[in-house]
C-alpha atoms as a PDB file:
ATOM      1  CA  MET A   1     -38.849  14.048  -3.992  1.00  0.00           C
ATOM      2  CA  ILE A   2     -41.169  11.160  -4.812  1.00  0.00           C
ATOM      3  CA  ARG A   3     -44.859  11.380  -4.043  1.00  0.00           C
ATOM      4  CA  ASP A   4     -47.313   8.605  -3.310  1.00  0.00           C
ATOM      5  CA  GLY A   5     -49.121   7.544  -6.478  1.00  0.00           C
ATOM      6  CA  LEU A   6     -50.993   4.530  -5.086  1.00  0.00           C
ATOM      7  CA  ARG A   7     -54.466   4.304  -6.611  1.00  0.00           C
ATOM      8  CA  TRP A   8     -57.302   1.988  -5.677  1.00  0.00           C
ATOM      9  CA  HIS A   9     -56.902   0.041  -8.920  1.00  0.00           C
ATOM     10  CA  HIS A  10     -53.375  -0.872  -7.781  1.00  0.00           C
ATOM     11  CA  LEU A  11     -54.864  -2.771  -4.848  1.00  0.00           C
ATOM     12  CA  ASP A  12     -56.551  -6.158  -4.998  1.00  0.00           C
ATOM     13  CA  LEU A  13     -58.056  -6.393  -1.541  1.00  0.00           C
ATOM     14  CA  THR A  14     -59.564  -9.804  -2.310  1.00  0.00           C
ATOM     15  CA  LYS A  15     -56.187 -11.356  -3.143  1.00  0.00           C
ATOM     16  CA  GLY A  16     -54.362  -9.113  -0.650  1.00  0.00           C
ATOM     17  CA  GLU A  17     -51.929  -7.617  -3.154  1.00  0.00           C
ATOM     18  CA  ALA A  18     -50.593  -4.236  -4.207  1.00  0.00           C
ATOM     19  CA  LYS A  19     -49.243  -3.597  -7.684  1.00  0.00           C
ATOM     20  CA  VAL A  20     -46.435  -1.096  -7.947  1.00  0.00           C
ATOM     21  CA  GLU A  21     -46.688   0.285 -11.467  1.00  0.00           C
ATOM     22  CA  THR A  22     -46.221   4.028 -11.174  1.00  0.00           C
ATOM     23  CA  ARG A  23     -44.407   6.764  -9.339  1.00  0.00           C
ATOM     24  CA  VAL A  24     -44.946  10.490  -9.057  1.00  0.00           C
ATOM     25  CA  ASP A  25     -42.015  12.896  -9.298  1.00  0.00           C
ATOM     26  CA  ALA A  26     -41.434  16.195  -7.503  1.00  0.00           C
ATOM     27  CA  TYR A  27     -43.354  18.055 -10.216  1.00  0.00           C
ATOM     28  CA  GLY A  28     -46.489  15.964  -9.781  1.00  0.00           C
ATOM     29  CA  GLU A  29     -45.908  14.005 -12.987  1.00  0.00           C
ATOM     30  CA  GLU A  30     -47.049  10.398 -12.755  1.00  0.00           C
ATOM     31  CA  ASP A  31     -45.123   7.882 -14.823  1.00  0.00           C
ATOM     32  CA  VAL A  32     -44.035   4.258 -14.763  1.00  0.00           C
ATOM     33  CA  THR A  33     -41.445   3.197 -12.217  1.00  0.00           C
ATOM     34  CA  LYS A  34     -37.816   4.165 -12.814  1.00  0.00           C
ATOM     35  CA  THR A  35     -36.876   0.632 -13.835  1.00  0.00           C
ATOM     36  CA  ALA A  36     -38.727  -2.429 -15.087  1.00  0.00           C
ATOM     37  CA  ALA A  37     -37.816  -4.159 -11.815  1.00  0.00           C
ATOM     38  CA  GLY A  38     -39.749  -1.435 -10.011  1.00  0.00           C
ATOM     39  CA  MET A  39     -42.972  -2.832 -11.472  1.00  0.00           C
ATOM     40  CA  ARG A  40     -43.980  -5.581  -9.092  1.00  0.00           C
ATOM     41  CA  THR A  41     -46.758  -7.131  -7.038  1.00  0.00           C
ATOM     42  CA  ILE A  42     -46.373  -7.229  -3.280  1.00  0.00           C
ATOM     43  CA  PRO A  43     -48.528  -9.311  -0.937  1.00  0.00           C
ATOM     44  CA  LEU A  44     -50.305  -7.423   1.837  1.00  0.00           C
ATOM     45  CA  SER A  45     -50.816  -8.711   5.346  1.00  0.00           C
ATOM     46  CA  GLN A  46     -54.380  -9.494   6.399  1.00  0.00           C
ATOM     47  CA  PRO A  47     -54.421  -6.743   9.064  1.00  0.00           C
ATOM     48  CA  LEU A  48     -53.307  -4.214   6.430  1.00  0.00           C
ATOM     49  CA  VAL A  49     -56.002  -5.426   4.011  1.00  0.00           C
ATOM     50  CA  LEU A  50     -58.614  -4.917   6.747  1.00  0.00           C
ATOM     51  CA  MET A  51     -57.326  -1.401   7.457  1.00  0.00           C
ATOM     52  CA  LEU A  52     -57.429  -0.536   3.754  1.00  0.00           C
ATOM     53  CA  LYS A  53     -60.985  -1.862   3.465  1.00  0.00           C
ATOM     54  CA  GLU A  54     -62.029   0.254   6.455  1.00  0.00           C
ATOM     55  CA  TRP A  55     -60.295   3.285   4.947  1.00  0.00           C
ATOM     56  CA  LYS A  56     -62.063   2.760   1.631  1.00  0.00           C
ATOM     57  CA  LEU A  57     -65.420   2.757   3.444  1.00  0.00           C
ATOM     58  CA  ARG A  58     -64.583   6.063   5.185  1.00  0.00           C
ATOM     59  CA  THR A  59     -62.936   8.024   2.386  1.00  0.00           C
ATOM     60  CA  LYS A  60     -64.809  10.162  -0.127  1.00  0.00           C
ATOM     61  CA  ARG A  61     -62.411   9.096  -2.869  1.00  0.00           C
ATOM     62  CA  LYS A  62     -62.937   5.411  -3.603  1.00  0.00           C
ATOM     63  CA  LYS A  63     -63.134   5.212  -7.393  1.00  0.00           C
ATOM     64  CA  ASP A  64     -60.610   2.914  -9.075  1.00  0.00           C
ATOM     65  CA  ASP A  65     -58.555   5.850 -10.376  1.00  0.00           C
ATOM     66  CA  ASP A  66     -58.615   7.818  -7.090  1.00  0.00           C
ATOM     67  CA  LEU A  67     -55.497   8.013  -4.937  1.00  0.00           C
ATOM     68  CA  VAL A  68     -55.644   5.817  -1.839  1.00  0.00           C
ATOM     69  CA  PHE A  69     -54.026   8.499   0.344  1.00  0.00           C
ATOM     70  CA  PRO A  70     -54.776  11.843  -1.319  1.00  0.00           C
ATOM     71  CA  SER A  71     -54.449  15.368  -0.023  1.00  0.00           C
ATOM     72  CA  LYS A  72     -57.672  17.135   1.044  1.00  0.00           C
ATOM     73  CA  ARG A  73     -58.061  18.237  -2.565  1.00  0.00           C
ATOM     74  CA  GLY A  74     -57.598  14.709  -3.928  1.00  0.00           C
ATOM     75  CA  TRP A  75     -54.096  15.331  -5.210  1.00  0.00           C
ATOM     76  CA  TYR A  76     -50.720  13.807  -4.415  1.00  0.00           C
ATOM     77  CA  VAL A  77     -49.188  14.311  -0.981  1.00  0.00           C
ATOM     78  CA  SER A  78     -45.554  15.297  -1.312  1.00  0.00           C
ATOM     79  CA  HIS A  79     -42.771  13.606   0.599  1.00  0.00           C
ATOM     80  CA  ASP A  80     -41.748  16.902   2.235  1.00  0.00           C
ATOM     81  CA  ASN A  81     -45.317  17.554   3.330  1.00  0.00           C
ATOM     82  CA  MET A  82     -45.675  14.072   4.811  1.00  0.00           C
ATOM     83  CA  VAL A  83     -42.402  14.409   6.703  1.00  0.00           C
ATOM     84  CA  LYS A  84     -43.281  17.884   7.969  1.00  0.00           C
ATOM     85  CA  ARG A  85     -46.865  17.121   9.004  1.00  0.00           C
ATOM     86  CA  LYS A  86     -46.686  13.507  10.213  1.00  0.00           C
ATOM     87  CA  PHE A  87     -43.209  12.009  10.507  1.00  0.00           C
ATOM     88  CA  SER A  88     -41.383  14.807  12.364  1.00  0.00           C
ATOM     89  CA  PRO A  89     -44.246  15.432  14.827  1.00  0.00           C
ATOM     90  CA  LEU A  90     -44.184  11.717  15.632  1.00  0.00           C
ATOM     91  CA  PHE A  91     -40.581  12.022  16.826  1.00  0.00           C
ATOM     92  CA  ALA A  92     -41.459  15.143  18.814  1.00  0.00           C
ATOM     93  CA  GLU A  93     -44.293  13.261  20.542  1.00  0.00           C
ATOM     94  CA  ILE A  94     -42.048  10.289  21.327  1.00  0.00           C
ATOM     95  CA  ALA A  95     -39.382  12.609  22.774  1.00  0.00           C
ATOM     96  CA  LYS A  96     -42.033  14.353  24.898  1.00  0.00           C
ATOM     97  CA  ARG A  97     -43.251  11.038  26.281  1.00  0.00           C
ATOM     98  CA  HIS A  98     -39.683   9.988  26.998  1.00  0.00           C
ATOM     99  CA  LYS A  99     -39.003  13.132  29.020  1.00  0.00           C
ATOM    100  CA  GLY A 100     -42.321  12.826  30.849  1.00  0.00           C
ATOM    101  CA  ASN A 101     -41.979   9.200  31.888  1.00  0.00           C
ATOM    102  CA  LEU A 102     -38.447   7.811  32.022  1.00  0.00           C
ATOM    103  CA  ALA A 103     -39.668   4.630  33.722  1.00  0.00           C
ATOM    104  CA  GLU A 104     -41.912   3.647  30.828  1.00  0.00           C
ATOM    105  CA  TYR A 105     -39.728   5.172  28.089  1.00  0.00           C
ATOM    106  CA  PRO A 106     -36.191   4.740  29.481  1.00  0.00           C
ATOM    107  CA  GLU A 107     -34.282   5.249  26.264  1.00  0.00           C
ATOM    108  CA  ALA A 108     -34.777   8.297  24.083  1.00  0.00           C
ATOM    109  CA  PRO A 109     -35.432   7.245  20.508  1.00  0.00           C
ATOM    110  CA  LYS A 110     -32.972   8.222  17.851  1.00  0.00           C
ATOM    111  CA  ARG A 111     -34.385  10.158  14.939  1.00  0.00           C
ATOM    112  CA  PHE A 112     -34.080   8.507  11.547  1.00  0.00           C
ATOM    113  CA  ASN A 113     -35.041   9.567   8.056  1.00  0.00           C
ATOM    114  CA  TRP A 114     -38.092   8.502   6.069  1.00  0.00           C
ATOM    115  CA  HIS A 115     -36.067   6.271   3.731  1.00  0.00           C
ATOM    116  CA  ALA A 116     -34.973   4.175   6.708  1.00  0.00           C
ATOM    117  CA  LEU A 117     -38.515   2.761   6.747  1.00  0.00           C
ATOM    118  CA  ARG A 118     -37.752   1.086   3.421  1.00  0.00           C
ATOM    119  CA  HIS A 119     -34.601  -0.492   4.893  1.00  0.00           C
ATOM    120  CA  PHE A 120     -36.629  -1.577   7.914  1.00  0.00           C
ATOM    121  CA  ALA A 121     -39.218  -3.295   5.691  1.00  0.00           C
ATOM    122  CA  ILE A 122     -36.550  -5.113   3.689  1.00  0.00           C
ATOM    123  CA  SER A 123     -34.780  -6.170   6.885  1.00  0.00           C
ATOM    124  CA  CYS A 124     -38.078  -7.536   8.231  1.00  0.00           C
ATOM    125  CA  TRP A 125     -38.585  -9.590   5.058  1.00  0.00           C
ATOM    126  CA  ILE A 126     -35.113 -11.053   5.489  1.00  0.00           C
ATOM    127  CA  GLU A 127     -35.712 -11.737   9.189  1.00  0.00           C
ATOM    128  CA  ALA A 128     -38.927 -13.545   8.194  1.00  0.00           C
ATOM    129  CA  ASP A 129     -36.764 -15.876   6.063  1.00  0.00           C
ATOM    130  CA  LEU A 130     -38.000 -14.757   2.669  1.00  0.00           C
ATOM    131  CA  LYS A 131     -35.694 -16.016  -0.055  1.00  0.00           C
ATOM    132  CA  PRO A 132     -33.205 -13.486  -1.492  1.00  0.00           C
ATOM    133  CA  LYS A 133     -34.912 -13.486  -4.914  1.00  0.00           C
ATOM    134  CA  THR A 134     -38.272 -12.728  -3.274  1.00  0.00           C
ATOM    135  CA  VAL A 135     -36.738  -9.865  -1.280  1.00  0.00           C
ATOM    136  CA  GLN A 136     -35.213  -8.509  -4.499  1.00  0.00           C
ATOM    137  CA  THR A 137     -38.607  -8.610  -6.225  1.00  0.00           C
ATOM    138  CA  PHE A 138     -40.518  -7.000  -3.343  1.00  0.00           C
ATOM    139  CA  ALA A 139     -37.861  -4.286  -2.980  1.00  0.00           C
ATOM    140  CA  GLY A 140     -37.898  -3.572  -6.700  1.00  0.00           C
ATOM    141  CA  HIS A 141     -34.147  -3.989  -7.051  1.00  0.00           C
ATOM    142  CA  SER A 142     -32.883  -4.339 -10.608  1.00  0.00           C
ATOM    143  CA  SER A 143     -30.846  -7.441  -9.776  1.00  0.00           C
ATOM    144  CA  LEU A 144     -30.171  -9.917  -7.018  1.00  0.00           C
ATOM    145  CA  GLN A 145     -26.656  -8.475  -6.864  1.00  0.00           C
ATOM    146  CA  VAL A 146     -28.060  -5.102  -5.735  1.00  0.00           C
ATOM    147  CA  THR A 147     -30.032  -6.812  -2.967  1.00  0.00           C
ATOM    148  CA  MET A 148     -27.093  -8.904  -1.818  1.00  0.00           C
ATOM    149  CA  ASP A 149     -24.620  -6.002  -1.944  1.00  0.00           C
ATOM    150  CA  ARG A 150     -26.861  -3.953   0.347  1.00  0.00           C
ATOM    151  CA  TYR A 151     -28.509  -6.612   2.536  1.00  0.00           C
ATOM    152  CA  GLY A 152     -26.519  -9.820   2.072  1.00  0.00           C
ATOM    153  CA  HIS A 153     -25.040  -9.637   5.559  1.00  0.00           C
ATOM    154  CA  LEU A 154     -28.549  -9.918   7.039  1.00  0.00           C
ATOM    155  CA  PHE A 155     -29.419 -13.246   5.445  1.00  0.00           C
ATOM    156  CA  LYS A 156     -29.061 -16.136   7.845  1.00  0.00           C
ATOM    157  CA  SER A 157     -26.409 -18.611   6.886  1.00  0.00           C
ATOM    158  CA  ASP A 158     -25.913 -22.197   7.945  1.00  0.00           C
ATOM    159  CA  ASP A 159     -22.830 -23.215   9.801  1.00  0.00           C
ATOM    160  CA  HIS A 160     -20.070 -22.600   7.262  1.00  0.00           C
ATOM    161  CA  LYS A 161     -17.748 -25.263   8.671  1.00  0.00           C
ATOM    162  CA  LYS A 162     -20.504 -27.863   8.420  1.00  0.00           C
ATOM    163  CA  ALA A 163     -21.108 -26.873   4.773  1.00  0.00           C
ATOM    164  CA  MET A 164     -17.386 -27.130   3.962  1.00  0.00           C
ATOM    165  CA  ASP A 165     -17.191 -30.549   5.644  1.00  0.00           C
ATOM    166  CA  MET A 166     -20.153 -31.771   3.550  1.00  0.00           C
ATOM    167  CA  ILE A 167     -18.528 -30.522   0.333  1.00  0.00           C
ATOM    168  CA  ALA A 168     -15.255 -32.201   1.258  1.00  0.00           C
ATOM    169  CA  ALA A 169     -17.062 -35.443   2.138  1.00  0.00           C
ATOM    170  CA  ASP A 170     -18.749 -35.434  -1.269  1.00  0.00           C
ATOM    171  CA  MET A 171     -15.515 -34.745  -3.079  1.00  0.00           C
ATOM    172  CA  PHE A 172     -13.126 -36.977  -1.154  1.00  0.00           C
ATOM    173  CA  GLY A 173     -15.452 -39.628   0.272  1.00  0.00           C
END
């Protein structure tokens, strides 16, 4: 179980960036990321930067070394705790709304696990036409091969026949 170890000093809200430099294990031990590729800088959207700025104004814990999303005691929030207290109740609420209003919520949502949010983010980056190497860096994959093995089918490709015709035209005139 990995815990959130994001601290305010990892965020540059002026540049709109987050540095991923650490992780926290199931025992509450903070350390560097599992691999060197895990250490990366990720750009943040402007709406997210604004939300983080608002959060920093409201929270009691805003020193550089404080956690951005701490428990009530200022400590790490565990994955299991987050799933139990926030993620699972969200699905229960969605299911309740579905049952209560089939016209507005015609299809019951399928439950998915927390890790699927990571796949969703990576898929969104690909859909937004980020280059494969950029996706690899943002995802923290150790190599482009890892990214392509898992997500290669999602990258848009040009018309393959057109590409083959261009190659043949170059080779054979």
